[in-house]
N, C-alpha and C. Protein backbone atom coordinates (compact mmCIF):
# COMPACT_ATOMS: atom_id res chain seq x y z
N MET A 1 58.95 -108.71 -9.69
CA MET A 1 59.67 -109.39 -8.56
C MET A 1 61.05 -108.85 -8.28
N ARG A 2 61.67 -108.60 -9.26
CA ARG A 2 63.11 -108.05 -9.14
C ARG A 2 63.29 -106.83 -8.42
N THR A 3 62.14 -105.88 -8.79
CA THR A 3 62.43 -104.57 -8.05
C THR A 3 61.72 -104.76 -6.67
N GLU A 4 60.99 -105.78 -6.14
CA GLU A 4 60.63 -106.09 -4.78
C GLU A 4 61.99 -106.43 -4.10
N LEU A 5 62.60 -107.44 -4.70
CA LEU A 5 63.75 -107.95 -4.15
C LEU A 5 64.69 -107.06 -3.89
N LYS A 6 65.02 -106.06 -5.04
CA LYS A 6 66.19 -105.03 -4.86
C LYS A 6 65.60 -104.19 -3.71
N ARG A 7 64.19 -103.84 -3.70
CA ARG A 7 63.62 -102.69 -2.65
C ARG A 7 64.07 -103.43 -1.22
N ALA A 8 63.60 -104.73 -1.09
CA ALA A 8 64.00 -105.43 0.42
C ALA A 8 65.60 -105.39 0.57
N ARG A 9 66.34 -105.52 -0.38
CA ARG A 9 67.81 -105.44 -0.23
C ARG A 9 68.20 -104.04 0.41
N ILE A 10 67.68 -103.02 -0.12
CA ILE A 10 68.03 -101.63 0.16
C ILE A 10 67.44 -101.30 1.54
N LEU A 11 66.13 -101.83 1.81
CA LEU A 11 65.62 -101.64 3.01
C LEU A 11 66.28 -102.27 4.18
N LEU A 12 67.00 -103.46 3.87
CA LEU A 12 67.75 -104.22 5.02
C LEU A 12 69.06 -103.67 5.10
N SER A 13 69.61 -103.03 3.91
CA SER A 13 70.95 -102.65 4.07
C SER A 13 71.01 -101.11 4.72
N MET A 14 69.84 -100.38 4.55
CA MET A 14 69.80 -98.96 5.29
C MET A 14 70.28 -98.95 6.72
N PRO A 15 69.45 -99.64 7.50
CA PRO A 15 69.84 -99.68 8.93
C PRO A 15 71.20 -100.15 9.38
N VAL A 16 71.67 -101.06 8.35
CA VAL A 16 73.13 -101.55 8.83
C VAL A 16 74.14 -100.51 8.36
N ALA A 17 73.96 -99.81 7.28
CA ALA A 17 74.70 -98.90 6.86
C ALA A 17 74.74 -97.55 7.89
N VAL A 18 73.66 -97.24 8.30
CA VAL A 18 73.42 -96.10 9.54
C VAL A 18 74.21 -96.61 10.65
N LEU A 19 74.14 -98.05 11.07
CA LEU A 19 74.86 -98.46 12.23
C LEU A 19 76.33 -98.47 11.99
N ILE A 20 76.69 -98.91 10.97
CA ILE A 20 78.22 -98.89 10.63
C ILE A 20 78.79 -97.45 10.67
N ILE A 21 78.07 -96.41 9.89
CA ILE A 21 78.48 -94.96 9.96
C ILE A 21 78.47 -94.50 11.32
N GLY A 22 77.41 -94.71 12.02
CA GLY A 22 77.39 -94.12 13.47
C GLY A 22 78.14 -94.83 14.37
N THR A 23 78.64 -96.15 14.32
CA THR A 23 79.74 -96.54 15.02
C THR A 23 81.05 -96.05 14.74
N ALA A 24 81.30 -95.97 13.38
CA ALA A 24 82.58 -95.42 12.90
C ALA A 24 82.76 -93.91 13.25
N GLY A 25 81.76 -93.10 13.26
CA GLY A 25 81.80 -91.75 13.59
C GLY A 25 81.97 -91.71 15.05
N PHE A 26 81.09 -92.31 16.07
CA PHE A 26 81.45 -92.13 17.38
C PHE A 26 82.77 -92.62 17.79
N MET A 27 83.17 -93.66 17.19
CA MET A 27 84.53 -94.23 17.49
C MET A 27 85.63 -93.16 17.42
N LEU A 28 85.51 -92.48 16.05
CA LEU A 28 86.49 -91.46 15.76
C LEU A 28 86.45 -90.19 16.43
N LEU A 29 85.02 -89.57 16.61
CA LEU A 29 84.86 -88.38 17.24
C LEU A 29 84.85 -88.34 18.78
N GLU A 30 84.40 -89.46 19.44
CA GLU A 30 84.20 -89.60 20.84
C GLU A 30 85.25 -90.43 21.56
N ASN A 31 86.09 -91.03 20.66
CA ASN A 31 87.15 -92.04 21.23
C ASN A 31 86.48 -93.20 21.98
N LEU A 32 85.27 -93.61 21.49
CA LEU A 32 84.61 -94.73 22.21
C LEU A 32 85.26 -96.06 21.74
N SER A 33 85.03 -97.06 22.41
CA SER A 33 85.43 -98.35 21.94
C SER A 33 84.27 -98.86 21.07
N LEU A 34 84.53 -99.95 20.41
CA LEU A 34 83.55 -100.52 19.54
C LEU A 34 82.28 -100.75 20.18
N MET A 35 82.34 -101.42 21.09
CA MET A 35 81.16 -101.88 21.82
C MET A 35 80.15 -100.68 22.22
N ASP A 36 81.03 -99.56 22.93
CA ASP A 36 80.10 -98.50 23.39
C ASP A 36 79.76 -97.77 22.21
N ALA A 37 80.58 -97.73 21.09
CA ALA A 37 80.05 -96.74 19.80
C ALA A 37 78.69 -97.44 19.26
N ILE A 38 78.89 -98.88 19.24
CA ILE A 38 77.61 -99.50 18.61
C ILE A 38 76.29 -99.25 19.51
N TYR A 39 76.56 -99.43 21.01
CA TYR A 39 75.50 -99.12 21.91
C TYR A 39 75.14 -97.67 21.87
N PHE A 40 75.97 -96.63 21.75
CA PHE A 40 75.57 -95.26 21.43
C PHE A 40 74.88 -95.01 20.17
N THR A 41 75.27 -95.59 19.13
CA THR A 41 74.65 -95.40 18.07
C THR A 41 73.23 -96.02 17.95
N ILE A 42 72.97 -97.15 18.44
CA ILE A 42 71.62 -97.62 18.65
C ILE A 42 70.78 -96.82 19.40
N VAL A 43 71.36 -96.33 20.69
CA VAL A 43 70.58 -95.54 21.75
C VAL A 43 70.20 -94.21 20.90
N THR A 44 71.14 -93.58 20.04
CA THR A 44 70.81 -92.34 19.52
C THR A 44 69.85 -92.45 18.34
N ILE A 45 70.09 -93.42 17.36
CA ILE A 45 69.17 -93.53 16.34
C ILE A 45 67.86 -94.07 16.79
N SER A 46 67.61 -94.69 17.90
CA SER A 46 66.39 -95.01 18.27
C SER A 46 65.69 -93.99 19.34
N THR A 47 66.38 -92.88 19.38
CA THR A 47 66.08 -91.78 20.21
C THR A 47 65.55 -92.02 21.50
N VAL A 48 66.19 -93.25 21.99
CA VAL A 48 66.10 -93.56 23.51
C VAL A 48 66.82 -92.74 24.38
N GLY A 49 68.03 -92.33 24.18
CA GLY A 49 68.85 -91.56 25.03
C GLY A 49 68.77 -91.86 26.49
N TYR A 50 69.48 -92.91 26.83
CA TYR A 50 69.52 -93.20 28.24
C TYR A 50 70.36 -92.33 29.23
N GLY A 51 71.30 -91.57 28.69
CA GLY A 51 71.94 -90.62 29.27
C GLY A 51 73.29 -91.08 29.92
N ASP A 52 73.47 -92.26 29.93
CA ASP A 52 74.66 -92.85 30.57
C ASP A 52 75.82 -92.63 29.56
N ILE A 53 75.72 -92.55 28.51
CA ILE A 53 76.92 -92.01 27.39
C ILE A 53 76.35 -90.90 26.67
N HIS A 54 77.01 -89.82 26.38
CA HIS A 54 76.71 -88.69 25.85
C HIS A 54 77.87 -88.14 25.11
N PRO A 55 77.62 -87.32 24.03
CA PRO A 55 78.81 -86.86 23.28
C PRO A 55 79.24 -85.78 24.07
N THR A 56 80.79 -85.67 24.08
CA THR A 56 81.51 -84.62 24.91
C THR A 56 82.02 -83.42 23.96
N SER A 57 82.34 -83.83 22.81
CA SER A 57 82.82 -82.84 21.96
C SER A 57 81.57 -82.20 20.87
N VAL A 58 81.91 -80.86 20.56
CA VAL A 58 81.02 -80.31 19.66
C VAL A 58 80.78 -81.18 18.34
N ALA A 59 81.98 -81.80 17.89
CA ALA A 59 81.79 -82.50 16.55
C ALA A 59 80.66 -83.65 16.93
N GLY A 60 81.00 -84.33 18.21
CA GLY A 60 80.26 -85.40 18.72
C GLY A 60 78.69 -85.09 18.83
N LYS A 61 78.54 -83.88 19.29
CA LYS A 61 77.07 -83.59 19.51
C LYS A 61 76.48 -83.37 18.11
N ILE A 62 77.16 -82.43 17.10
CA ILE A 62 76.66 -82.40 15.83
C ILE A 62 76.42 -83.72 15.21
N PHE A 63 77.30 -84.51 15.20
CA PHE A 63 77.36 -86.04 14.52
C PHE A 63 76.02 -86.64 15.09
N GLY A 64 75.72 -86.56 16.45
CA GLY A 64 74.61 -87.23 17.21
C GLY A 64 73.48 -86.63 16.68
N ILE A 65 73.25 -85.40 16.45
CA ILE A 65 71.99 -84.74 15.91
C ILE A 65 71.77 -85.24 14.49
N VAL A 66 72.84 -85.47 13.51
CA VAL A 66 72.69 -85.92 12.23
C VAL A 66 72.30 -87.45 12.36
N MET A 67 72.80 -88.07 13.19
CA MET A 67 72.35 -89.41 13.40
C MET A 67 70.99 -89.60 13.73
N ILE A 68 70.56 -88.76 14.66
CA ILE A 68 69.10 -88.75 15.20
C ILE A 68 68.37 -88.54 13.95
N ILE A 69 68.64 -87.69 13.12
CA ILE A 69 67.84 -87.25 11.86
C ILE A 69 67.91 -88.47 10.91
N ILE A 70 69.05 -88.91 10.65
CA ILE A 70 69.23 -90.02 9.82
C ILE A 70 68.50 -91.31 10.44
N GLY A 71 68.56 -91.44 11.53
CA GLY A 71 67.94 -92.77 12.21
C GLY A 71 66.47 -92.62 11.99
N ILE A 72 65.77 -91.56 12.36
CA ILE A 72 64.35 -91.40 12.24
C ILE A 72 63.91 -91.40 10.77
N GLY A 73 64.76 -90.90 10.02
CA GLY A 73 64.40 -90.96 8.39
C GLY A 73 64.32 -92.13 7.97
N THR A 74 65.39 -92.98 8.43
CA THR A 74 65.64 -94.53 8.04
C THR A 74 64.32 -95.32 8.50
N PHE A 75 64.08 -95.19 9.76
CA PHE A 75 63.02 -95.91 10.42
C PHE A 75 61.66 -95.54 9.54
N LEU A 76 61.19 -94.19 9.32
CA LEU A 76 60.09 -94.00 8.77
C LEU A 76 60.15 -94.37 7.34
N THR A 77 61.23 -94.43 6.48
CA THR A 77 61.48 -94.94 5.32
C THR A 77 61.08 -96.39 5.05
N ILE A 78 61.57 -97.31 6.10
CA ILE A 78 61.28 -98.81 6.18
C ILE A 78 59.81 -98.79 6.57
N VAL A 79 59.35 -98.07 7.51
CA VAL A 79 57.95 -98.44 7.92
C VAL A 79 56.89 -97.86 6.82
N THR A 80 57.27 -96.82 5.81
CA THR A 80 56.56 -96.53 4.79
C THR A 80 56.58 -97.47 3.67
N SER A 81 57.70 -98.03 3.37
CA SER A 81 58.03 -98.94 2.33
C SER A 81 57.30 -100.26 2.64
N VAL A 82 57.45 -100.71 4.03
CA VAL A 82 56.73 -102.16 4.21
C VAL A 82 55.20 -101.85 4.18
N THR A 83 54.56 -100.90 4.60
CA THR A 83 53.19 -100.57 4.59
C THR A 83 52.91 -100.49 3.12
N GLN A 84 53.61 -99.72 2.23
CA GLN A 84 53.34 -99.82 0.89
C GLN A 84 53.27 -100.96 0.36
N MET A 85 54.31 -101.88 0.66
CA MET A 85 54.25 -103.23 -0.04
C MET A 85 53.10 -103.98 0.47
N LEU A 86 52.48 -103.90 1.66
CA LEU A 86 51.48 -104.65 2.13
C LEU A 86 50.11 -104.02 1.50
N VAL A 87 49.98 -102.93 1.34
CA VAL A 87 48.93 -102.27 0.66
C VAL A 87 48.77 -102.79 -0.65
N GLN A 88 49.92 -102.65 -1.49
CA GLN A 88 50.12 -103.11 -2.85
C GLN A 88 49.68 -104.47 -3.05
N MET A 89 49.99 -105.51 -1.98
CA MET A 89 49.72 -106.81 -2.21
C MET A 89 48.19 -107.07 -1.86
N GLY A 90 47.55 -106.21 -1.04
CA GLY A 90 46.17 -106.19 -0.77
C GLY A 90 45.46 -105.77 -2.00
N GLN A 91 45.78 -104.73 -2.85
CA GLN A 91 45.29 -104.18 -4.06
C GLN A 91 45.53 -105.31 -5.11
N ASP A 92 46.71 -105.95 -5.20
CA ASP A 92 46.91 -106.92 -6.17
C ASP A 92 45.85 -108.12 -5.98
N LYS A 93 45.74 -108.60 -4.72
CA LYS A 93 44.76 -109.71 -4.42
C LYS A 93 43.42 -109.24 -5.00
N LEU A 94 42.91 -108.09 -4.47
CA LEU A 94 41.62 -107.56 -4.62
C LEU A 94 41.44 -107.56 -6.21
N ARG A 95 42.40 -106.95 -7.02
CA ARG A 95 42.41 -106.87 -8.56
C ARG A 95 42.37 -108.27 -9.04
N LYS A 96 43.02 -109.29 -8.47
CA LYS A 96 43.02 -110.57 -9.08
C LYS A 96 41.57 -111.07 -8.77
N GLN A 97 40.85 -110.77 -7.64
CA GLN A 97 39.57 -111.36 -7.47
C GLN A 97 38.59 -110.77 -8.29
N ARG A 98 38.59 -109.61 -8.59
CA ARG A 98 37.61 -108.81 -9.38
C ARG A 98 37.90 -109.32 -10.83
N LEU A 99 39.11 -109.47 -11.31
CA LEU A 99 39.33 -109.98 -12.67
C LEU A 99 38.76 -111.45 -12.85
N ASN A 100 39.00 -112.28 -11.79
CA ASN A 100 38.55 -113.59 -11.86
C ASN A 100 36.96 -113.58 -11.84
N MET A 101 36.29 -112.61 -11.09
CA MET A 101 34.86 -112.72 -11.05
C MET A 101 34.33 -112.20 -12.54
N LEU A 102 35.08 -111.26 -12.99
CA LEU A 102 34.68 -110.79 -14.41
C LEU A 102 34.96 -111.79 -15.45
N ILE A 103 36.06 -112.47 -15.45
CA ILE A 103 36.18 -113.66 -16.25
C ILE A 103 35.14 -114.68 -16.05
N GLY A 104 34.87 -114.94 -14.80
CA GLY A 104 33.72 -115.98 -14.61
C GLY A 104 32.34 -115.57 -15.14
N VAL A 105 32.26 -114.31 -14.98
CA VAL A 105 30.89 -113.95 -15.65
C VAL A 105 30.87 -114.03 -17.09
N PHE A 106 31.81 -113.79 -17.78
CA PHE A 106 31.86 -113.74 -19.35
C PHE A 106 32.25 -115.32 -19.73
N PHE A 107 32.64 -116.12 -18.97
CA PHE A 107 32.56 -117.45 -19.46
C PHE A 107 31.62 -118.35 -18.91
N THR A 108 30.36 -117.72 -18.44
CA THR A 108 29.20 -118.38 -18.36
C THR A 108 28.15 -118.02 -19.41
N GLU A 109 27.03 -118.66 -19.20
CA GLU A 109 25.98 -118.32 -20.21
C GLU A 109 25.61 -116.75 -20.23
N VAL A 110 25.62 -116.20 -19.03
CA VAL A 110 25.37 -114.65 -18.95
C VAL A 110 26.38 -113.96 -19.71
N GLY A 111 27.49 -114.31 -19.73
CA GLY A 111 28.55 -113.65 -20.45
C GLY A 111 28.54 -113.70 -21.99
N ASN A 112 28.31 -115.12 -22.36
CA ASN A 112 27.99 -115.21 -23.77
C ASN A 112 26.95 -114.57 -24.42
N LYS A 113 25.80 -114.40 -23.61
CA LYS A 113 24.70 -113.67 -24.21
C LYS A 113 24.98 -112.23 -24.38
N LEU A 114 25.76 -111.56 -23.17
CA LEU A 114 25.85 -110.21 -23.38
C LEU A 114 26.90 -110.07 -24.34
N LEU A 115 27.93 -110.89 -24.56
CA LEU A 115 28.92 -110.62 -25.62
C LEU A 115 28.11 -110.66 -27.01
N GLU A 116 27.18 -111.61 -27.18
CA GLU A 116 26.43 -111.67 -28.50
C GLU A 116 25.80 -110.42 -28.60
N LEU A 117 25.07 -109.79 -27.63
CA LEU A 117 24.34 -108.48 -27.66
C LEU A 117 25.36 -107.31 -27.99
N PHE A 118 26.52 -107.36 -27.23
CA PHE A 118 27.48 -106.13 -27.52
C PHE A 118 27.94 -106.07 -28.87
N VAL A 119 28.23 -107.33 -29.39
CA VAL A 119 28.63 -107.33 -30.78
C VAL A 119 27.75 -106.73 -31.86
N GLN A 120 26.52 -107.00 -31.44
CA GLN A 120 25.25 -106.51 -32.47
C GLN A 120 25.42 -104.83 -32.48
N TYR A 121 25.96 -104.30 -31.50
CA TYR A 121 26.07 -102.89 -31.21
C TYR A 121 27.16 -102.26 -31.85
N ASP A 122 28.16 -102.95 -32.44
CA ASP A 122 29.26 -102.32 -33.10
C ASP A 122 29.09 -102.21 -34.69
N PRO A 123 28.95 -101.01 -35.15
CA PRO A 123 28.55 -100.90 -36.53
C PRO A 123 29.61 -101.32 -37.51
N HIS A 124 30.75 -101.57 -37.05
CA HIS A 124 31.75 -101.89 -38.00
C HIS A 124 32.15 -103.69 -37.81
N ILE A 125 31.32 -104.17 -37.21
CA ILE A 125 31.56 -105.63 -36.96
C ILE A 125 31.57 -106.43 -38.09
N ARG A 126 30.65 -106.10 -39.07
CA ARG A 126 30.65 -106.98 -40.35
C ARG A 126 31.79 -106.86 -41.18
N ASP A 127 32.73 -105.78 -41.00
CA ASP A 127 34.04 -105.75 -41.71
C ASP A 127 34.97 -106.67 -41.25
N ILE A 128 34.94 -107.09 -39.96
CA ILE A 128 35.84 -108.04 -39.35
C ILE A 128 35.28 -109.44 -39.41
N ARG A 129 34.00 -109.66 -39.45
CA ARG A 129 33.35 -110.87 -39.27
C ARG A 129 33.73 -111.69 -40.55
N LYS A 130 33.64 -111.24 -41.80
CA LYS A 130 33.93 -111.94 -42.79
C LYS A 130 35.51 -112.48 -42.79
N ASP A 131 36.36 -111.82 -42.13
CA ASP A 131 37.66 -112.20 -41.95
C ASP A 131 37.96 -113.49 -40.97
N CYS A 132 36.98 -113.55 -40.07
CA CYS A 132 36.91 -114.60 -39.06
C CYS A 132 36.26 -115.88 -39.41
N LEU A 133 35.83 -116.09 -40.49
CA LEU A 133 35.35 -117.47 -41.22
C LEU A 133 36.55 -118.23 -41.80
N PHE A 134 36.88 -119.18 -40.91
CA PHE A 134 38.11 -119.96 -41.16
C PHE A 134 37.62 -121.45 -41.41
N SER A 135 38.60 -121.98 -42.00
CA SER A 135 38.32 -123.45 -42.24
C SER A 135 39.42 -124.32 -41.79
N GLU A 136 39.32 -125.71 -41.93
CA GLU A 136 40.42 -126.67 -41.54
C GLU A 136 41.62 -126.59 -42.23
N SER A 137 41.56 -125.86 -43.41
CA SER A 137 42.75 -125.85 -44.25
C SER A 137 43.59 -124.42 -43.86
N TRP A 138 43.37 -123.87 -42.88
CA TRP A 138 43.97 -122.64 -42.48
C TRP A 138 45.33 -123.04 -42.09
N SER A 139 46.42 -122.16 -42.22
CA SER A 139 47.78 -122.33 -41.85
C SER A 139 47.86 -121.53 -40.54
N THR A 140 48.98 -121.74 -39.97
CA THR A 140 49.38 -121.08 -38.71
C THR A 140 49.60 -119.66 -39.11
N VAL A 141 50.23 -119.23 -40.36
CA VAL A 141 50.30 -117.82 -40.66
C VAL A 141 49.02 -117.23 -40.62
N GLU A 142 47.89 -117.96 -41.20
CA GLU A 142 46.60 -117.31 -41.42
C GLU A 142 46.00 -117.08 -40.16
N PHE A 143 46.18 -117.97 -39.11
CA PHE A 143 45.72 -117.78 -37.86
C PHE A 143 46.58 -116.55 -37.19
N ALA A 144 47.64 -116.53 -37.28
CA ALA A 144 48.55 -115.43 -36.85
C ALA A 144 48.13 -114.06 -37.24
N CYS A 145 47.93 -114.00 -38.59
CA CYS A 145 47.35 -112.73 -39.29
C CYS A 145 46.05 -112.27 -38.71
N LEU A 146 45.00 -113.41 -38.59
CA LEU A 146 43.75 -113.05 -37.75
C LEU A 146 44.01 -112.56 -36.46
N LYS A 147 44.81 -113.13 -35.80
CA LYS A 147 45.14 -112.77 -34.34
C LYS A 147 45.48 -111.31 -34.27
N GLU A 148 46.44 -111.02 -35.20
CA GLU A 148 47.04 -109.69 -35.23
C GLU A 148 45.74 -108.83 -35.65
N GLN A 149 45.08 -109.07 -36.60
CA GLN A 149 44.02 -108.14 -36.86
C GLN A 149 43.09 -107.98 -35.62
N LEU A 150 42.58 -108.98 -34.89
CA LEU A 150 41.85 -108.82 -33.78
C LEU A 150 42.41 -107.96 -32.71
N GLN A 151 43.74 -108.37 -32.56
CA GLN A 151 44.23 -107.37 -31.50
C GLN A 151 44.21 -105.93 -31.76
N HIS A 152 44.36 -105.40 -33.22
CA HIS A 152 44.33 -104.10 -33.37
C HIS A 152 42.86 -103.72 -33.47
N TYR A 153 42.03 -104.41 -33.66
CA TYR A 153 40.54 -103.99 -33.96
C TYR A 153 40.13 -103.19 -32.80
N LYS A 154 39.41 -102.03 -33.13
CA LYS A 154 38.83 -100.96 -32.13
C LYS A 154 37.40 -101.22 -32.02
N TYR A 155 36.92 -102.03 -31.01
CA TYR A 155 35.57 -102.37 -30.83
C TYR A 155 34.94 -101.12 -30.29
N ILE A 156 33.79 -100.81 -30.99
CA ILE A 156 32.90 -99.62 -30.54
C ILE A 156 31.55 -100.10 -30.30
N VAL A 157 30.89 -99.44 -29.32
CA VAL A 157 29.51 -99.79 -28.98
C VAL A 157 28.85 -98.44 -29.47
N SER A 158 27.89 -98.54 -30.40
CA SER A 158 27.29 -97.50 -30.94
C SER A 158 25.84 -97.26 -29.95
N PRO A 159 25.81 -96.24 -29.32
CA PRO A 159 24.65 -96.01 -28.17
C PRO A 159 23.28 -96.14 -29.15
N GLU A 160 23.27 -95.52 -30.26
CA GLU A 160 21.95 -95.48 -31.01
C GLU A 160 21.53 -96.88 -31.35
N LEU A 161 22.39 -97.81 -31.40
CA LEU A 161 21.98 -99.21 -31.84
C LEU A 161 21.56 -99.98 -30.57
N ILE A 162 21.86 -99.46 -29.52
CA ILE A 162 21.42 -100.33 -28.06
C ILE A 162 19.92 -100.33 -27.90
N GLU A 163 19.43 -101.49 -27.71
CA GLU A 163 18.09 -101.68 -27.12
C GLU A 163 18.09 -102.07 -25.85
N LEU A 164 17.77 -101.18 -24.99
CA LEU A 164 18.10 -101.54 -23.53
C LEU A 164 17.04 -102.67 -22.99
N GLU A 165 15.94 -102.65 -23.56
CA GLU A 165 14.88 -103.60 -23.11
C GLU A 165 15.37 -104.96 -23.54
N ILE A 166 15.88 -105.15 -24.72
CA ILE A 166 16.35 -106.47 -25.05
C ILE A 166 17.56 -106.88 -24.21
N MET A 167 18.42 -105.91 -23.91
CA MET A 167 19.68 -106.31 -22.97
C MET A 167 19.09 -106.65 -21.77
N CYS A 168 18.21 -105.97 -21.13
CA CYS A 168 17.77 -106.27 -19.85
C CYS A 168 16.95 -107.62 -19.66
N ASN A 169 16.10 -107.82 -20.72
CA ASN A 169 15.46 -109.23 -20.78
C ASN A 169 16.52 -110.31 -21.05
N CYS A 170 17.37 -110.01 -21.68
CA CYS A 170 18.58 -111.12 -22.06
C CYS A 170 19.26 -111.28 -20.61
N TRP A 171 19.74 -110.21 -20.01
CA TRP A 171 20.28 -110.34 -18.65
C TRP A 171 19.39 -111.09 -17.71
N GLN A 172 18.12 -110.57 -17.53
CA GLN A 172 17.30 -111.45 -16.48
C GLN A 172 17.10 -112.87 -16.83
N SER A 173 16.78 -113.23 -17.96
CA SER A 173 16.75 -114.73 -18.33
C SER A 173 17.95 -115.54 -18.02
N ALA A 174 19.29 -114.91 -18.61
CA ALA A 174 20.40 -115.73 -18.43
C ALA A 174 20.83 -115.70 -17.02
N LYS A 175 20.60 -114.58 -16.17
CA LYS A 175 20.94 -114.56 -14.82
C LYS A 175 20.36 -115.79 -13.94
N TRP A 176 19.08 -115.88 -14.09
CA TRP A 176 18.47 -116.89 -13.40
C TRP A 176 18.69 -118.33 -13.92
N ASP A 177 19.03 -118.40 -15.14
CA ASP A 177 19.32 -119.78 -15.64
C ASP A 177 20.73 -120.15 -15.35
N THR A 178 21.60 -119.36 -15.21
CA THR A 178 23.01 -119.51 -14.99
C THR A 178 23.26 -119.83 -13.40
N PHE A 179 22.78 -118.87 -12.62
CA PHE A 179 23.15 -119.12 -11.32
C PHE A 179 21.96 -119.90 -10.56
């Protein structure tokens, strides 16, 4: 969230900085009043070019060219960043929906049956299963140790142990029972 806020501040400050630099530059190089310099800067960076005010000096013309390039670059940067933020928000929403769907499946009867099957396909499950037998007398330290051990456990599905027919039957029976 901090990076998004920082990014928004930068995006908002960019056009303000361009306006200030352009106004100051046109006031100095073209001897324009504050209002004329602001107006000329906005007309220049927006590439409108009404023609009522135009640079008269070589330095003013060069500065005008630079301001056009900076103005277009700033505008494109803002449009790109806003588009990227909107796309990212959409992707985050889609990712959350998919995650919720996945969690929903595995917290239903289908998921429980599939998890029971997948555990059987791990050739090393017996090694950790004995450590998971706990009692009411366990302390917080023992639970913390088990949690640590489970977090570092590398679950493996051994393809040669998989019986697709059993998995398919389990899926079919659980699917219709649950939904």
